[in-house]
Amino acid sequence: MTKWEYATVPLLVHATKQILDNWGEDGWELVAVVPGPNPDQLVAYFKRPKP
């Protein structure tokens, strides 16, 4: 059975691609993007298998 670890990351609108690319390079898979605490912010949820 695969065990997962998760991360929650605030996304800055002006740097979304760079942030997503950086987490992807580290092996994280994007699961969802949801609205953040204010209208100008998004929050990304990532997962990856535990080592």
PDB file of N, CA and C in Angstrom:
ATOM      1  N   MET A   1       0.844  -1.174   0.000  1.00  0.00           N
ATOM      2  CA  MET A   1       0.000   0.000   0.000  1.00  0.00           C
ATOM      3  C   MET A   1       0.896   1.247   0.000  1.00  0.00           C
ATOM      4  N   THR A   2       0.610   2.160  -0.894  1.00  0.00           N
ATOM      5  CA  THR A   2       1.380   3.398  -0.972  1.00  0.00           C
ATOM      6  C   THR A   2       0.997   4.332   0.162  1.00  0.00           C
ATOM      7  N   LYS A   3       2.003   4.879   0.832  1.00  0.00           N
ATOM      8  CA  LYS A   3       1.767   5.890   1.862  1.00  0.00           C
ATOM      9  C   LYS A   3       2.163   7.239   1.275  1.00  0.00           C
ATOM     10  N   TRP A   4       1.375   8.266   1.578  1.00  0.00           N
ATOM     11  CA  TRP A   4       1.559   9.579   0.975  1.00  0.00           C
ATOM     12  C   TRP A   4       1.930  10.621   2.016  1.00  0.00           C
ATOM     13  N   GLU A   5       2.642  11.639   1.561  1.00  0.00           N
ATOM     14  CA  GLU A   5       2.820  12.849   2.357  1.00  0.00           C
ATOM     15  C   GLU A   5       2.206  13.991   1.562  1.00  0.00           C
ATOM     16  N   TYR A   6       1.751  15.013   2.274  1.00  0.00           N
ATOM     17  CA  TYR A   6       1.014  16.111   1.652  1.00  0.00           C
ATOM     18  C   TYR A   6       1.625  17.451   2.010  1.00  0.00           C
ATOM     19  N   ALA A   7       1.393  18.426   1.132  1.00  0.00           N
ATOM     20  CA  ALA A   7       1.855  19.790   1.392  1.00  0.00           C
ATOM     21  C   ALA A   7       0.780  20.764   0.928  1.00  0.00           C
ATOM     22  N   THR A   8       0.628  21.841   1.672  1.00  0.00           N
ATOM     23  CA  THR A   8      -0.282  22.923   1.325  1.00  0.00           C
ATOM     24  C   THR A   8       0.570  24.153   1.077  1.00  0.00           C
ATOM     25  N   VAL A   9       0.392  24.786  -0.094  1.00  0.00           N
ATOM     26  CA  VAL A   9       1.279  25.861  -0.510  1.00  0.00           C
ATOM     27  C   VAL A   9       0.468  27.059  -1.009  1.00  0.00           C
ATOM     28  N   PRO A  10       0.720  28.263  -0.476  1.00  0.00           N
ATOM     29  CA  PRO A  10       0.061  29.444  -1.038  1.00  0.00           C
ATOM     30  C   PRO A  10       0.649  29.748  -2.413  1.00  0.00           C
ATOM     31  N   LEU A  11      -0.216  30.078  -3.366  1.00  0.00           N
ATOM     32  CA  LEU A  11       0.231  30.434  -4.712  1.00  0.00           C
ATOM     33  C   LEU A  11       0.127  31.937  -4.900  1.00  0.00           C
ATOM     34  N   LEU A  12       1.209  32.524  -5.346  1.00  0.00           N
ATOM     35  CA  LEU A  12       1.202  33.947  -5.682  1.00  0.00           C
ATOM     36  C   LEU A  12       0.800  34.073  -7.145  1.00  0.00           C
ATOM     37  N   VAL A  13      -0.174  34.911  -7.430  1.00  0.00           N
ATOM     38  CA  VAL A  13      -0.730  35.013  -8.775  1.00  0.00           C
ATOM     39  C   VAL A  13       0.349  35.334  -9.809  1.00  0.00           C
ATOM     40  N   HIS A  14       1.304  36.170  -9.463  1.00  0.00           N
ATOM     41  CA  HIS A  14       2.329  36.569 -10.422  1.00  0.00           C
ATOM     42  C   HIS A  14       3.432  35.527 -10.607  1.00  0.00           C
ATOM     43  N   ALA A  15       3.439  34.443  -9.788  1.00  0.00           N
ATOM     44  CA  ALA A  15       4.503  33.438  -9.882  1.00  0.00           C
ATOM     45  C   ALA A  15       3.951  32.010  -9.826  1.00  0.00           C
ATOM     46  N   THR A  16       2.710  31.822 -10.247  1.00  0.00           N
ATOM     47  CA  THR A  16       2.068  30.510 -10.122  1.00  0.00           C
ATOM     48  C   THR A  16       2.840  29.419 -10.847  1.00  0.00           C
ATOM     49  N   LYS A  17       3.198  29.648 -12.108  1.00  0.00           N
ATOM     50  CA  LYS A  17       3.901  28.620 -12.881  1.00  0.00           C
ATOM     51  C   LYS A  17       5.230  28.263 -12.242  1.00  0.00           C
ATOM     52  N   GLN A  18       5.970  29.229 -11.827  1.00  0.00           N
ATOM     53  CA  GLN A  18       7.277  28.971 -11.210  1.00  0.00           C
ATOM     54  C   GLN A  18       7.121  28.145  -9.927  1.00  0.00           C
ATOM     55  N   ILE A  19       6.152  28.487  -9.105  1.00  0.00           N
ATOM     56  CA  ILE A  19       5.913  27.750  -7.859  1.00  0.00           C
ATOM     57  C   ILE A  19       5.525  26.303  -8.167  1.00  0.00           C
ATOM     58  N   LEU A  20       4.590  26.105  -9.104  1.00  0.00           N
ATOM     59  CA  LEU A  20       4.157  24.752  -9.456  1.00  0.00           C
ATOM     60  C   LEU A  20       5.306  23.942 -10.050  1.00  0.00           C
ATOM     61  N   ASP A  21       6.106  24.559 -10.923  1.00  0.00           N
ATOM     62  CA  ASP A  21       7.257  23.873 -11.518  1.00  0.00           C
ATOM     63  C   ASP A  21       8.265  23.454 -10.451  1.00  0.00           C
ATOM     64  N   ASN A  22       8.531  24.326  -9.484  1.00  0.00           N
ATOM     65  CA  ASN A  22       9.498  24.007  -8.430  1.00  0.00           C
ATOM     66  C   ASN A  22       9.040  22.808  -7.600  1.00  0.00           C
ATOM     67  N   TRP A  23       7.771  22.791  -7.215  1.00  0.00           N
ATOM     68  CA  TRP A  23       7.263  21.660  -6.427  1.00  0.00           C
ATOM     69  C   TRP A  23       7.243  20.387  -7.265  1.00  0.00           C
ATOM     70  N   GLY A  24       6.901  20.506  -8.543  1.00  0.00           N
ATOM     71  CA  GLY A  24       6.910  19.346  -9.439  1.00  0.00           C
ATOM     72  C   GLY A  24       8.302  18.757  -9.597  1.00  0.00           C
ATOM     73  N   GLU A  25       9.305  19.608  -9.675  1.00  0.00           N
ATOM     74  CA  GLU A  25      10.695  19.145  -9.783  1.00  0.00           C
ATOM     75  C   GLU A  25      11.109  18.320  -8.568  1.00  0.00           C
ATOM     76  N   ASP A  26      10.518  18.618  -7.420  1.00  0.00           N
ATOM     77  CA  ASP A  26      10.835  17.889  -6.190  1.00  0.00           C
ATOM     78  C   ASP A  26       9.979  16.636  -6.011  1.00  0.00           C
ATOM     79  N   GLY A  27       9.198  16.277  -7.055  1.00  0.00           N
ATOM     80  CA  GLY A  27       8.428  15.041  -7.006  1.00  0.00           C
ATOM     81  C   GLY A  27       7.011  15.169  -6.484  1.00  0.00           C
ATOM     82  N   TRP A  28       6.556  16.401  -6.260  1.00  0.00           N
ATOM     83  CA  TRP A  28       5.200  16.611  -5.749  1.00  0.00           C
ATOM     84  C   TRP A  28       4.209  16.660  -6.908  1.00  0.00           C
ATOM     85  N   GLU A  29       3.063  16.018  -6.731  1.00  0.00           N
ATOM     86  CA  GLU A  29       1.982  16.032  -7.712  1.00  0.00           C
ATOM     87  C   GLU A  29       0.890  16.978  -7.227  1.00  0.00           C
ATOM     88  N   LEU A  30       0.442  17.871  -8.105  1.00  0.00           N
ATOM     89  CA  LEU A  30      -0.634  18.802  -7.768  1.00  0.00           C
ATOM     90  C   LEU A  30      -1.946  18.037  -7.684  1.00  0.00           C
ATOM     91  N   VAL A  31      -2.654  18.203  -6.570  1.00  0.00           N
ATOM     92  CA  VAL A  31      -3.929  17.514  -6.350  1.00  0.00           C
ATOM     93  C   VAL A  31      -5.093  18.474  -6.581  1.00  0.00           C
ATOM     94  N   ALA A  32      -4.978  19.700  -6.064  1.00  0.00           N
ATOM     95  CA  ALA A  32      -6.075  20.663  -6.178  1.00  0.00           C
ATOM     96  C   ALA A  32      -5.555  22.071  -5.957  1.00  0.00           C
ATOM     97  N   VAL A  33      -6.280  23.024  -6.524  1.00  0.00           N
ATOM     98  CA  VAL A  33      -6.056  24.445  -6.258  1.00  0.00           C
ATOM     99  C   VAL A  33      -7.390  25.014  -5.813  1.00  0.00           C
ATOM    100  N   VAL A  34      -7.399  25.665  -4.656  1.00  0.00           N
ATOM    101  CA  VAL A  34      -8.635  26.208  -4.088  1.00  0.00           C
ATOM    102  C   VAL A  34      -8.431  27.676  -3.737  1.00  0.00           C
ATOM    103  N   PRO A  35      -9.516  28.430  -3.618  1.00  0.00           N
ATOM    104  CA  PRO A  35      -9.384  29.833  -3.218  1.00  0.00           C
ATOM    105  C   PRO A  35      -8.730  29.951  -1.840  1.00  0.00           C
ATOM    106  N   GLY A  36      -7.919  30.981  -1.686  1.00  0.00           N
ATOM    107  CA  GLY A  36      -7.245  31.226  -0.412  1.00  0.00           C
ATOM    108  C   GLY A  36      -8.076  32.103   0.501  1.00  0.00           C
ATOM    109  N   PRO A  37      -7.430  32.601   1.549  1.00  0.00           N
ATOM    110  CA  PRO A  37      -8.139  33.411   2.540  1.00  0.00           C
ATOM    111  C   PRO A  37      -8.590  34.775   2.020  1.00  0.00           C
ATOM    112  N   ASN A  38      -7.992  35.227   0.921  1.00  0.00           N
ATOM    113  CA  ASN A  38      -8.445  36.482   0.309  1.00  0.00           C
ATOM    114  C   ASN A  38      -8.563  36.284  -1.198  1.00  0.00           C
ATOM    115  N   PRO A  39      -9.263  37.159  -1.896  1.00  0.00           N
ATOM    116  CA  PRO A  39      -9.534  36.962  -3.330  1.00  0.00           C
ATOM    117  C   PRO A  39      -8.289  36.951  -4.222  1.00  0.00           C
ATOM    118  N   ASP A  40      -7.181  37.494  -3.738  1.00  0.00           N
ATOM    119  CA  ASP A  40      -5.969  37.560  -4.554  1.00  0.00           C
ATOM    120  C   ASP A  40      -5.058  36.360  -4.353  1.00  0.00           C
ATOM    121  N   GLN A  41      -5.474  35.388  -3.573  1.00  0.00           N
ATOM    122  CA  GLN A  41      -4.589  34.271  -3.249  1.00  0.00           C
ATOM    123  C   GLN A  41      -5.267  32.941  -3.526  1.00  0.00           C
ATOM    124  N   LEU A  42      -4.455  31.986  -3.990  1.00  0.00           N
ATOM    125  CA  LEU A  42      -4.898  30.608  -4.175  1.00  0.00           C
ATOM    126  C   LEU A  42      -4.043  29.717  -3.286  1.00  0.00           C
ATOM    127  N   VAL A  43      -4.551  28.526  -2.993  1.00  0.00           N
ATOM    128  CA  VAL A  43      -3.799  27.554  -2.200  1.00  0.00           C
ATOM    129  C   VAL A  43      -3.736  26.255  -3.003  1.00  0.00           C
ATOM    130  N   ALA A  44      -2.520  25.717  -3.131  1.00  0.00           N
ATOM    131  CA  ALA A  44      -2.314  24.464  -3.854  1.00  0.00           C
ATOM    132  C   ALA A  44      -2.096  23.330  -2.859  1.00  0.00           C
ATOM    133  N   TYR A  45      -2.676  22.173  -3.175  1.00  0.00           N
ATOM    134  CA  TYR A  45      -2.470  20.961  -2.374  1.00  0.00           C
ATOM    135  C   TYR A  45      -1.681  19.976  -3.229  1.00  0.00           C
ATOM    136  N   PHE A  46      -0.588  19.455  -2.662  1.00  0.00           N
ATOM    137  CA  PHE A  46       0.284  18.522  -3.355  1.00  0.00           C
ATOM    138  C   PHE A  46       0.379  17.221  -2.568  1.00  0.00           C
ATOM    139  N   LYS A  47       0.765  16.141  -3.282  1.00  0.00           N
ATOM    140  CA  LYS A  47       1.048  14.879  -2.616  1.00  0.00           C
ATOM    141  C   LYS A  47       2.218  14.217  -3.334  1.00  0.00           C
ATOM    142  N   ARG A  48       2.905  13.320  -2.607  1.00  0.00           N
ATOM    143  CA  ARG A  48       3.940  12.471  -3.188  1.00  0.00           C
ATOM    144  C   ARG A  48       4.098  11.250  -2.304  1.00  0.00           C
ATOM    145  N   PRO A  49       4.555  10.140  -2.902  1.00  0.00           N
ATOM    146  CA  PRO A  49       4.749   8.948  -2.084  1.00  0.00           C
ATOM    147  C   PRO A  49       5.823   9.172  -1.037  1.00  0.00           C
ATOM    148  N   LYS A  50       5.597   8.624   0.158  1.00  0.00           N
ATOM    149  CA  LYS A  50       6.619   8.707   1.206  1.00  0.00           C
ATOM    150  C   LYS A  50       7.788   7.833   0.809  1.00  0.00           C
ATOM    151  N   PRO A  51       9.003   8.282   1.129  1.00  0.00           N
ATOM    152  CA  PRO A  51      10.182   7.461   0.789  1.00  0.00           C
ATOM    153  C   PRO A  51      10.244   6.184   1.602  1.00  0.00           C
TER     154      PRO A  51
END
